[in-house]
Every structure is written in C-alpha cells, then in structure tokens.
Amino acid sequence: MLPPRSGDVLQVTRAASVQFAEPILFRVIRAHDWHTYDGWIWLDGYELNSALDAVARRSIFVQLDGLRAVRLAAPASRHLNAGPRTVPGRNASPIRVRVG
C-alpha cells in the first residue's frame, strides 16, 4: 500500500497494530517520512466517530498493509445561483438565492 495522503480516511484495526483491538476511523493530516521498520509508518490525524466528526487528535504508528481506505459518499451537490425563487406575500417577485 502507498502511504496515505492528507485527507484520507482509514479504518485502523488490529491488522495495523495490536493496540487497535477496537477498530477506529482515522482522518490523516500527514504521513511522516521518518525512518522506521520496513512496512511501518507514523501518521498524524484525527480519530473520527460514526458521524465522521473528529473526536481526538492522535499520532499512530501502524503497518501500511493493515490499513484500509474508507470510501465516503460524495457530498450532496450545491447549486450556486439556483435561479429565481418567489416569496409568498410579495407579489411573487423573484429573488436570487446564492448558496455558499
């Protein structure tokens, strides 16, 4: 496995290190290029809860082959300048809505 990149979300289990008997989700801040044992790497990032909110910042030492990438659903698209919209009680005069 290639080293994870900033923003990657990983499932970290016992396969990555014995300290993860209970699996965690982990969002990578950075993968260090420090010299370590072959196949191992230091990662800085955030432990995530089931809603993908950061609950703790951590540095972890793990085996690359034990990490599993998590595919997240694409966020709902947001349309800028979605077009005219009417407001009830205002003679149906159009207004522009801008999101963002």
PDB file of N, CA and C in Angstrom:
ATOM      1  N   MET A   1       0.848  -1.181   0.000  1.00  0.00           N
ATOM      2  CA  MET A   1       0.000   0.000   0.000  1.00  0.00           C
ATOM      3  C   MET A   1       0.894   1.244   0.000  1.00  0.00           C
ATOM      4  N   LEU A   2       0.492   2.236  -0.766  1.00  0.00           N
ATOM      5  CA  LEU A   2       1.204   3.511  -0.750  1.00  0.00           C
ATOM      6  C   LEU A   2       0.886   4.242   0.550  1.00  0.00           C
ATOM      7  N   PRO A   3       1.778   5.107   1.005  1.00  0.00           N
ATOM      8  CA  PRO A   3       1.475   5.873   2.210  1.00  0.00           C
ATOM      9  C   PRO A   3       0.207   6.707   2.019  1.00  0.00           C
ATOM     10  N   PRO A   4      -0.630   6.780   3.039  1.00  0.00           N
ATOM     11  CA  PRO A   4      -1.838   7.595   2.942  1.00  0.00           C
ATOM     12  C   PRO A   4      -1.490   9.067   2.749  1.00  0.00           C
ATOM     13  N   ARG A   5      -2.433   9.806   2.173  1.00  0.00           N
ATOM     14  CA  ARG A   5      -2.231  11.238   1.949  1.00  0.00           C
ATOM     15  C   ARG A   5      -3.169  12.032   2.852  1.00  0.00           C
ATOM     16  N   SER A   6      -2.853  13.299   3.003  1.00  0.00           N
ATOM     17  CA  SER A   6      -3.675  14.193   3.798  1.00  0.00           C
ATOM     18  C   SER A   6      -5.119  14.140   3.332  1.00  0.00           C
ATOM     19  N   GLY A   7      -6.038  13.971   4.281  1.00  0.00           N
ATOM     20  CA  GLY A   7      -7.464  13.918   3.969  1.00  0.00           C
ATOM     21  C   GLY A   7      -8.017  12.518   3.819  1.00  0.00           C
ATOM     22  N   ASP A   8      -7.136  11.524   3.628  1.00  0.00           N
ATOM     23  CA  ASP A   8      -7.618  10.143   3.510  1.00  0.00           C
ATOM     24  C   ASP A   8      -8.273   9.719   4.818  1.00  0.00           C
ATOM     25  N   VAL A   9      -9.342   8.928   4.704  1.00  0.00           N
ATOM     26  CA  VAL A   9      -9.986   8.340   5.876  1.00  0.00           C
ATOM     27  C   VAL A   9      -9.685   6.849   5.844  1.00  0.00           C
ATOM     28  N   LEU A  10      -9.199   6.342   6.965  1.00  0.00           N
ATOM     29  CA  LEU A  10      -8.763   4.953   7.070  1.00  0.00           C
ATOM     30  C   LEU A  10      -9.507   4.234   8.176  1.00  0.00           C
ATOM     31  N   GLN A  11      -9.696   2.946   7.999  1.00  0.00           N
ATOM     32  CA  GLN A  11     -10.123   2.102   9.100  1.00  0.00           C
ATOM     33  C   GLN A  11      -8.848   1.472   9.646  1.00  0.00           C
ATOM     34  N   VAL A  12      -8.612   1.667  10.921  1.00  0.00           N
ATOM     35  CA  VAL A  12      -7.402   1.147  11.562  1.00  0.00           C
ATOM     36  C   VAL A  12      -7.837   0.034  12.511  1.00  0.00           C
ATOM     37  N   THR A  13      -7.337  -1.170  12.260  1.00  0.00           N
ATOM     38  CA  THR A  13      -7.729  -2.340  13.051  1.00  0.00           C
ATOM     39  C   THR A  13      -6.485  -3.012  13.630  1.00  0.00           C
ATOM     40  N   ARG A  14      -6.733  -4.126  14.279  1.00  0.00           N
ATOM     41  CA  ARG A  14      -5.645  -4.920  14.855  1.00  0.00           C
ATOM     42  C   ARG A  14      -4.636  -5.346  13.787  1.00  0.00           C
ATOM     43  N   ALA A  15      -5.056  -5.435  12.521  1.00  0.00           N
ATOM     44  CA  ALA A  15      -4.145  -5.796  11.426  1.00  0.00           C
ATOM     45  C   ALA A  15      -3.062  -4.737  11.239  1.00  0.00           C
ATOM     46  N   ALA A  16      -3.355  -3.492  11.644  1.00  0.00           N
ATOM     47  CA  ALA A  16      -2.384  -2.409  11.522  1.00  0.00           C
ATOM     48  C   ALA A  16      -1.478  -2.339  12.748  1.00  0.00           C
ATOM     49  N   SER A  17      -2.014  -2.667  13.918  1.00  0.00           N
ATOM     50  CA  SER A  17      -1.238  -2.666  15.160  1.00  0.00           C
ATOM     51  C   SER A  17      -2.090  -3.295  16.263  1.00  0.00           C
ATOM     52  N   VAL A  18      -1.445  -4.024  17.147  1.00  0.00           N
ATOM     53  CA  VAL A  18      -2.186  -4.714  18.215  1.00  0.00           C
ATOM     54  C   VAL A  18      -2.919  -3.747  19.139  1.00  0.00           C
ATOM     55  N   GLN A  19      -2.514  -2.485  19.162  1.00  0.00           N
ATOM     56  CA  GLN A  19      -3.191  -1.521  20.042  1.00  0.00           C
ATOM     57  C   GLN A  19      -4.612  -1.204  19.581  1.00  0.00           C
ATOM     58  N   PHE A  20      -4.977  -1.604  18.340  1.00  0.00           N
ATOM     59  CA  PHE A  20      -6.289  -1.294  17.804  1.00  0.00           C
ATOM     60  C   PHE A  20      -7.186  -2.529  17.796  1.00  0.00           C
ATOM     61  N   ALA A  21      -7.314  -3.164  18.970  1.00  0.00           N
ATOM     62  CA  ALA A  21      -8.218  -4.300  19.121  1.00  0.00           C
ATOM     63  C   ALA A  21      -9.643  -3.848  18.806  1.00  0.00           C
ATOM     64  N   GLU A  22      -9.968  -2.618  19.157  1.00  0.00           N
ATOM     65  CA  GLU A  22     -11.231  -1.990  18.768  1.00  0.00           C
ATOM     66  C   GLU A  22     -10.921  -1.083  17.591  1.00  0.00           C
ATOM     67  N   PRO A  23     -11.476  -1.359  16.410  1.00  0.00           N
ATOM     68  CA  PRO A  23     -11.169  -0.551  15.221  1.00  0.00           C
ATOM     69  C   PRO A  23     -11.573   0.913  15.400  1.00  0.00           C
ATOM     70  N   ILE A  24     -10.826   1.800  14.727  1.00  0.00           N
ATOM     71  CA  ILE A  24     -11.159   3.220  14.723  1.00  0.00           C
ATOM     72  C   ILE A  24     -11.163   3.721  13.282  1.00  0.00           C
ATOM     73  N   LEU A  25     -11.862   4.832  13.075  1.00  0.00           N
ATOM     74  CA  LEU A  25     -11.762   5.570  11.826  1.00  0.00           C
ATOM     75  C   LEU A  25     -10.777   6.696  12.068  1.00  0.00           C
ATOM     76  N   PHE A  26      -9.956   6.991  11.072  1.00  0.00           N
ATOM     77  CA  PHE A  26      -8.852   7.932  11.244  1.00  0.00           C
ATOM     78  C   PHE A  26      -8.710   8.779   9.988  1.00  0.00           C
ATOM     79  N   ARG A  27      -8.772  10.112  10.146  1.00  0.00           N
ATOM     80  CA  ARG A  27      -8.539  11.025   9.013  1.00  0.00           C
ATOM     81  C   ARG A  27      -7.101  11.520   9.097  1.00  0.00           C
ATOM     82  N   VAL A  28      -6.351  11.304   8.032  1.00  0.00           N
ATOM     83  CA  VAL A  28      -4.925  11.613   8.002  1.00  0.00           C
ATOM     84  C   VAL A  28      -4.691  13.114   7.837  1.00  0.00           C
ATOM     85  N   ILE A  29      -3.821  13.657   8.684  1.00  0.00           N
ATOM     86  CA  ILE A  29      -3.303  15.014   8.496  1.00  0.00           C
ATOM     87  C   ILE A  29      -2.015  14.920   7.691  1.00  0.00           C
ATOM     88  N   ARG A  30      -1.123  14.029   8.144  1.00  0.00           N
ATOM     89  CA  ARG A  30       0.151  13.854   7.436  1.00  0.00           C
ATOM     90  C   ARG A  30       0.726  12.469   7.734  1.00  0.00           C
ATOM     91  N   ALA A  31       1.460  11.981   6.742  1.00  0.00           N
ATOM     92  CA  ALA A  31       2.228  10.747   6.887  1.00  0.00           C
ATOM     93  C   ALA A  31       3.695  11.164   6.974  1.00  0.00           C
ATOM     94  N   HIS A  32       4.345  10.838   8.074  1.00  0.00           N
ATOM     95  CA  HIS A  32       5.741  11.228   8.265  1.00  0.00           C
ATOM     96  C   HIS A  32       6.664  10.355   7.412  1.00  0.00           C
ATOM     97  N   ASP A  33       7.761  10.935   6.976  1.00  0.00           N
ATOM     98  CA  ASP A  33       8.745  10.176   6.203  1.00  0.00           C
ATOM     99  C   ASP A  33       9.915   9.735   7.085  1.00  0.00           C
ATOM    100  N   TRP A  34       9.651   9.584   8.372  1.00  0.00           N
ATOM    101  CA  TRP A  34      10.679   9.146   9.303  1.00  0.00           C
ATOM    102  C   TRP A  34      11.107   7.713   8.998  1.00  0.00           C
ATOM    103  N   HIS A  35      12.386   7.436   9.234  1.00  0.00           N
ATOM    104  CA  HIS A  35      12.912   6.089   9.044  1.00  0.00           C
ATOM    105  C   HIS A  35      12.383   5.209  10.179  1.00  0.00           C
ATOM    106  N   THR A  36      11.670   4.140   9.815  1.00  0.00           N
ATOM    107  CA  THR A  36      11.116   3.209  10.803  1.00  0.00           C
ATOM    108  C   THR A  36      11.343   1.789  10.304  1.00  0.00           C
ATOM    109  N   TYR A  37      10.721   0.834  10.953  1.00  0.00           N
ATOM    110  CA  TYR A  37      10.776  -0.548  10.495  1.00  0.00           C
ATOM    111  C   TYR A  37      10.115  -0.646   9.127  1.00  0.00           C
ATOM    112  N   ASP A  38      10.579  -1.574   8.316  1.00  0.00           N
ATOM    113  CA  ASP A  38      10.045  -1.759   6.973  1.00  0.00           C
ATOM    114  C   ASP A  38       8.543  -2.063   7.031  1.00  0.00           C
ATOM    115  N   GLY A  39       7.749  -1.288   6.294  1.00  0.00           N
ATOM    116  CA  GLY A  39       6.307  -1.503   6.241  1.00  0.00           C
ATOM    117  C   GLY A  39       5.517  -0.780   7.314  1.00  0.00           C
ATOM    118  N   TRP A  40       6.192  -0.051   8.193  1.00  0.00           N
ATOM    119  CA  TRP A  40       5.527   0.698   9.265  1.00  0.00           C
ATOM    120  C   TRP A  40       5.630   2.192   8.981  1.00  0.00           C
ATOM    121  N   ILE A  41       4.690   2.968   9.527  1.00  0.00           N
ATOM    122  CA  ILE A  41       4.673   4.411   9.288  1.00  0.00           C
ATOM    123  C   ILE A  41       4.019   5.146  10.467  1.00  0.00           C
ATOM    124  N   TRP A  42       4.489   6.362  10.699  1.00  0.00           N
ATOM    125  CA  TRP A  42       3.865   7.257  11.675  1.00  0.00           C
ATOM    126  C   TRP A  42       2.873   8.146  10.941  1.00  0.00           C
ATOM    127  N   LEU A  43       1.652   8.235  11.480  1.00  0.00           N
ATOM    128  CA  LEU A  43       0.617   9.088  10.909  1.00  0.00           C
ATOM    129  C   LEU A  43       0.101  10.059  11.974  1.00  0.00           C
ATOM    130  N   ASP A  44      -0.124  11.293  11.581  1.00  0.00           N
ATOM    131  CA  ASP A  44      -0.816  12.270  12.428  1.00  0.00           C
ATOM    132  C   ASP A  44      -2.205  12.449  11.848  1.00  0.00           C
ATOM    133  N   GLY A  45      -3.200  12.574  12.724  1.00  0.00           N
ATOM    134  CA  GLY A  45      -4.555  12.768  12.227  1.00  0.00           C
ATOM    135  C   GLY A  45      -5.562  12.831  13.340  1.00  0.00           C
ATOM    136  N   TYR A  46      -6.803  12.613  12.964  1.00  0.00           N
ATOM    137  CA  TYR A  46      -7.919  12.691  13.899  1.00  0.00           C
ATOM    138  C   TYR A  46      -8.672  11.374  13.936  1.00  0.00           C
ATOM    139  N   GLU A  47      -8.954  10.903  15.150  1.00  0.00           N
ATOM    140  CA  GLU A  47      -9.871   9.788  15.318  1.00  0.00           C
ATOM    141  C   GLU A  47     -11.272  10.326  15.077  1.00  0.00           C
ATOM    142  N   LEU A  48     -12.081   9.583  14.329  1.00  0.00           N
ATOM    143  CA  LEU A  48     -13.422  10.024  13.962  1.00  0.00           C
ATOM    144  C   LEU A  48     -14.477   9.162  14.641  1.00  0.00           C
ATOM    145  N   ASN A  49     -15.641   9.775  14.926  1.00  0.00           N
ATOM    146  CA  ASN A  49     -16.765   8.981  15.422  1.00  0.00           C
ATOM    147  C   ASN A  49     -17.581   8.486  14.239  1.00  0.00           C
ATOM    148  N   SER A  50     -18.714   7.832  14.498  1.00  0.00           N
ATOM    149  CA  SER A  50     -19.506   7.253  13.403  1.00  0.00           C
ATOM    150  C   SER A  50     -20.127   8.314  12.497  1.00  0.00           C
ATOM    151  N   ALA A  51     -20.233   9.556  12.979  1.00  0.00           N
ATOM    152  CA  ALA A  51     -20.742  10.657  12.147  1.00  0.00           C
ATOM    153  C   ALA A  51     -19.608  11.355  11.395  1.00  0.00           C
ATOM    154  N   LEU A  52     -18.400  10.805  11.499  1.00  0.00           N
ATOM    155  CA  LEU A  52     -17.186  11.330  10.867  1.00  0.00           C
ATOM    156  C   LEU A  52     -16.747  12.673  11.438  1.00  0.00           C
ATOM    157  N   ASP A  53     -17.123  12.938  12.691  1.00  0.00           N
ATOM    158  CA  ASP A  53     -16.638  14.125  13.404  1.00  0.00           C
ATOM    159  C   ASP A  53     -15.350  13.766  14.131  1.00  0.00           C
ATOM    160  N   ALA A  54     -14.394  14.686  14.131  1.00  0.00           N
ATOM    161  CA  ALA A  54     -13.134  14.459  14.846  1.00  0.00           C
ATOM    162  C   ALA A  54     -13.402  14.474  16.342  1.00  0.00           C
ATOM    163  N   VAL A  55     -12.920  13.442  17.039  1.00  0.00           N
ATOM    164  CA  VAL A  55     -13.108  13.372  18.489  1.00  0.00           C
ATOM    165  C   VAL A  55     -11.790  13.427  19.244  1.00  0.00           C
ATOM    166  N   ALA A  56     -10.667  13.165  18.562  1.00  0.00           N
ATOM    167  CA  ALA A  56      -9.360  13.226  19.227  1.00  0.00           C
ATOM    168  C   ALA A  56      -8.269  13.323  18.169  1.00  0.00           C
ATOM    169  N   ARG A  57      -7.282  14.164  18.465  1.00  0.00           N
ATOM    170  CA  ARG A  57      -6.109  14.218  17.588  1.00  0.00           C
ATOM    171  C   ARG A  57      -5.118  13.178  18.082  1.00  0.00           C
ATOM    172  N   ARG A  58      -4.525  12.431  17.141  1.00  0.00           N
ATOM    173  CA  ARG A  58      -3.631  11.336  17.521  1.00  0.00           C
ATOM    174  C   ARG A  58      -2.463  11.230  16.564  1.00  0.00           C
ATOM    175  N   SER A  59      -1.389  10.657  17.070  1.00  0.00           N
ATOM    176  CA  SER A  59      -0.268  10.193  16.254  1.00  0.00           C
ATOM    177  C   SER A  59      -0.225   8.690  16.453  1.00  0.00           C
ATOM    178  N   ILE A  60      -0.216   7.945  15.339  1.00  0.00           N
ATOM    179  CA  ILE A  60      -0.246   6.492  15.445  1.00  0.00           C
ATOM    180  C   ILE A  60       0.896   5.890  14.633  1.00  0.00           C
ATOM    181  N   PHE A  61       1.385   4.750  15.099  1.00  0.00           N
ATOM    182  CA  PHE A  61       2.454   4.004  14.448  1.00  0.00           C
ATOM    183  C   PHE A  61       1.850   2.690  13.989  1.00  0.00           C
ATOM    184  N   VAL A  62       1.731   2.499  12.672  1.00  0.00           N
ATOM    185  CA  VAL A  62       0.965   1.373  12.141  1.00  0.00           C
ATOM    186  C   VAL A  62       1.662   0.720  10.953  1.00  0.00           C
ATOM    187  N   GLN A  63       1.236  -0.510  10.649  1.00  0.00           N
ATOM    188  CA  GLN A  63       1.697  -1.209   9.459  1.00  0.00           C
ATOM    189  C   GLN A  63       0.841  -0.776   8.269  1.00  0.00           C
ATOM    190  N   LEU A  64       1.505  -0.390   7.192  1.00  0.00           N
ATOM    191  CA  LEU A  64       0.775   0.057   5.999  1.00  0.00           C
ATOM    192  C   LEU A  64      -0.186  -1.011   5.480  1.00  0.00           C
ATOM    193  N   ASP A  65       0.244  -2.268   5.462  1.00  0.00           N
ATOM    194  CA  ASP A  65      -0.601  -3.343   4.924  1.00  0.00           C
ATOM    195  C   ASP A  65      -1.857  -3.584   5.750  1.00  0.00           C
ATOM    196  N   GLY A  66      -1.890  -3.110   6.981  1.00  0.00           N
ATOM    197  CA  GLY A  66      -3.061  -3.310   7.835  1.00  0.00           C
ATOM    198  C   GLY A  66      -4.081  -2.197   7.744  1.00  0.00           C
ATOM    199  N   LEU A  67      -3.793  -1.139   6.991  1.00  0.00           N
ATOM    200  CA  LEU A  67      -4.716  -0.009   6.861  1.00  0.00           C
ATOM    201  C   LEU A  67      -5.713  -0.280   5.744  1.00  0.00           C
ATOM    202  N   ARG A  68      -6.943   0.143   5.941  1.00  0.00           N
ATOM    203  CA  ARG A  68      -7.980   0.001   4.920  1.00  0.00           C
ATOM    204  C   ARG A  68      -8.588   1.371   4.630  1.00  0.00           C
ATOM    205  N   ALA A  69      -8.568   1.758   3.354  1.00  0.00           N
ATOM    206  CA  ALA A  69      -9.168   3.034   2.950  1.00  0.00           C
ATOM    207  C   ALA A  69     -10.690   2.941   3.077  1.00  0.00           C
ATOM    208  N   VAL A  70     -11.299   4.031   3.535  1.00  0.00           N
ATOM    209  CA  VAL A  70     -12.755   4.108   3.656  1.00  0.00           C
ATOM    210  C   VAL A  70     -13.251   5.034   2.555  1.00  0.00           C
ATOM    211  N   ARG A  71     -14.187   4.552   1.772  1.00  0.00           N
ATOM    212  CA  ARG A  71     -14.782   5.382   0.719  1.00  0.00           C
ATOM    213  C   ARG A  71     -15.999   6.083   1.303  1.00  0.00           C
ATOM    214  N   LEU A  72     -15.975   7.397   1.230  1.00  0.00           N
ATOM    215  CA  LEU A  72     -17.084   8.188   1.750  1.00  0.00           C
ATOM    216  C   LEU A  72     -18.029   8.535   0.615  1.00  0.00           C
ATOM    217  N   ALA A  73     -19.304   8.619   0.938  1.00  0.00           N
ATOM    218  CA  ALA A  73     -20.287   9.030  -0.067  1.00  0.00           C
ATOM    219  C   ALA A  73     -20.005  10.466  -0.467  1.00  0.00           C
ATOM    220  N   ALA A  74     -20.191  10.765  -1.732  1.00  0.00           N
ATOM    221  CA  ALA A  74     -19.975  12.136  -2.224  1.00  0.00           C
ATOM    222  C   ALA A  74     -20.978  13.064  -1.568  1.00  0.00           C
ATOM    223  N   PRO A  75     -20.537  14.273  -1.182  1.00  0.00           N
ATOM    224  CA  PRO A  75     -21.471  15.216  -0.575  1.00  0.00           C
ATOM    225  C   PRO A  75     -22.528  15.629  -1.594  1.00  0.00           C
ATOM    226  N   ALA A  76     -23.699  15.988  -1.090  1.00  0.00           N
ATOM    227  CA  ALA A  76     -24.768  16.455  -1.978  1.00  0.00           C
ATOM    228  C   ALA A  76     -24.296  17.697  -2.713  1.00  0.00           C
ATOM    229  N   SER A  77     -24.624  17.756  -3.992  1.00  0.00           N
ATOM    230  CA  SER A  77     -24.183  18.920  -4.768  1.00  0.00           C
ATOM    231  C   SER A  77     -24.955  20.161  -4.343  1.00  0.00           C
ATOM    232  N   ARG A  78     -24.287  21.284  -4.388  1.00  0.00           N
ATOM    233  CA  ARG A  78     -24.887  22.566  -4.046  1.00  0.00           C
ATOM    234  C   ARG A  78     -24.854  23.420  -5.300  1.00  0.00           C
ATOM    235  N   HIS A  79     -25.974  23.952  -5.658  1.00  0.00           N
ATOM    236  CA  HIS A  79     -26.078  24.747  -6.867  1.00  0.00           C
ATOM    237  C   HIS A  79     -25.975  26.224  -6.524  1.00  0.00           C
ATOM    238  N   LEU A  80     -24.986  26.892  -7.070  1.00  0.00           N
ATOM    239  CA  LEU A  80     -24.857  28.322  -6.887  1.00  0.00           C
ATOM    240  C   LEU A  80     -25.787  29.026  -7.845  1.00  0.00           C
ATOM    241  N   ASN A  81     -26.355  30.132  -7.393  1.00  0.00           N
ATOM    242  CA  ASN A  81     -27.296  30.883  -8.227  1.00  0.00           C
ATOM    243  C   ASN A  81     -28.342  29.945  -8.816  1.00  0.00           C
ATOM    244  N   ALA A  82     -29.090  29.326  -7.937  1.00  0.00           N
ATOM    245  CA  ALA A  82     -30.039  28.296  -8.325  1.00  0.00           C
ATOM    246  C   ALA A  82     -31.179  28.812  -9.205  1.00  0.00           C
ATOM    247  N   GLY A  83     -31.261  30.080  -9.427  1.00  0.00           N
ATOM    248  CA  GLY A  83     -32.302  30.615 -10.284  1.00  0.00           C
ATOM    249  C   GLY A  83     -33.332  31.401  -9.484  1.00  0.00           C
ATOM    250  N   PRO A  84     -34.310  31.977 -10.166  1.00  0.00           N
ATOM    251  CA  PRO A  84     -35.300  32.795  -9.474  1.00  0.00           C
ATOM    252  C   PRO A  84     -36.159  31.969  -8.531  1.00  0.00           C
ATOM    253  N   ARG A  85     -36.580  32.617  -7.471  1.00  0.00           N
ATOM    254  CA  ARG A  85     -37.430  31.982  -6.480  1.00  0.00           C
ATOM    255  C   ARG A  85     -38.440  33.014  -6.021  1.00  0.00           C
ATOM    256  N   THR A  86     -39.654  32.619  -5.802  1.00  0.00           N
ATOM    257  CA  THR A  86     -40.672  33.572  -5.361  1.00  0.00           C
ATOM    258  C   THR A  86     -40.856  33.470  -3.864  1.00  0.00           C
ATOM    259  N   VAL A  87     -41.248  34.582  -3.261  1.00  0.00           N
ATOM    260  CA  VAL A  87     -41.512  34.648  -1.829  1.00  0.00           C
ATOM    261  C   VAL A  87     -42.996  34.933  -1.657  1.00  0.00           C
ATOM    262  N   PRO A  88     -43.740  34.040  -0.984  1.00  0.00           N
ATOM    263  CA  PRO A  88     -45.177  34.259  -0.817  1.00  0.00           C
ATOM    264  C   PRO A  88     -45.457  35.597  -0.132  1.00  0.00           C
ATOM    265  N   GLY A  89     -46.526  36.276  -0.586  1.00  0.00           N
ATOM    266  CA  GLY A  89     -46.931  37.532   0.022  1.00  0.00           C
ATOM    267  C   GLY A  89     -46.165  38.729  -0.502  1.00  0.00           C
ATOM    268  N   ARG A  90     -45.342  38.557  -1.471  1.00  0.00           N
ATOM    269  CA  ARG A  90     -44.545  39.654  -2.022  1.00  0.00           C
ATOM    270  C   ARG A  90     -44.822  39.848  -3.508  1.00  0.00           C
ATOM    271  N   ASN A  91     -46.074  39.644  -3.914  1.00  0.00           N
ATOM    272  CA  ASN A  91     -46.464  39.784  -5.313  1.00  0.00           C
ATOM    273  C   ASN A  91     -45.643  38.875  -6.227  1.00  0.00           C
ATOM    274  N   ALA A  92     -45.207  37.789  -5.704  1.00  0.00           N
ATOM    275  CA  ALA A  92     -44.446  36.803  -6.473  1.00  0.00           C
ATOM    276  C   ALA A  92     -43.255  37.415  -7.195  1.00  0.00           C
ATOM    277  N   SER A  93     -42.626  38.402  -6.578  1.00  0.00           N
ATOM    278  CA  SER A  93     -41.444  38.996  -7.209  1.00  0.00           C
ATOM    279  C   SER A  93     -40.256  38.058  -7.030  1.00  0.00           C
ATOM    280  N   PRO A  94     -39.492  37.824  -8.084  1.00  0.00           N
ATOM    281  CA  PRO A  94     -38.381  36.877  -7.992  1.00  0.00           C
ATOM    282  C   PRO A  94     -37.219  37.442  -7.168  1.00  0.00           C
ATOM    283  N   ILE A  95     -36.572  36.553  -6.435  1.00  0.00           N
ATOM    284  CA  ILE A  95     -35.339  36.912  -5.730  1.00  0.00           C
ATOM    285  C   ILE A  95     -34.300  35.880  -6.124  1.00  0.00           C
ATOM    286  N   ARG A  96     -33.065  36.244  -6.020  1.00  0.00           N
ATOM    287  CA  ARG A  96     -31.977  35.307  -6.319  1.00  0.00           C
ATOM    288  C   ARG A  96     -31.453  34.714  -5.005  1.00  0.00           C
ATOM    289  N   VAL A  97     -31.216  33.417  -5.016  1.00  0.00           N
ATOM    290  CA  VAL A  97     -30.685  32.725  -3.850  1.00  0.00           C
ATOM    291  C   VAL A  97     -29.272  32.302  -4.200  1.00  0.00           C
ATOM    292  N   ARG A  98     -28.341  32.635  -3.337  1.00  0.00           N
ATOM    293  CA  ARG A  98     -26.944  32.227  -3.549  1.00  0.00           C
ATOM    294  C   ARG A  98     -26.505  31.422  -2.337  1.00  0.00           C
ATOM    295  N   VAL A  99     -26.013  30.237  -2.580  1.00  0.00           N
ATOM    296  CA  VAL A  99     -25.543  29.360  -1.530  1.00  0.00           C
ATOM    297  C   VAL A  99     -24.026  29.412  -1.528  1.00  0.00           C
ATOM    298  N   GLY A 100     -23.452  29.531  -0.351  1.00  0.00           N
ATOM    299  CA  GLY A 100     -22.010  29.431  -0.317  1.00  0.00           C
ATOM    300  C   GLY A 100     -21.361  30.585   0.278  1.00  0.00           C
TER     301      GLY A 100
END
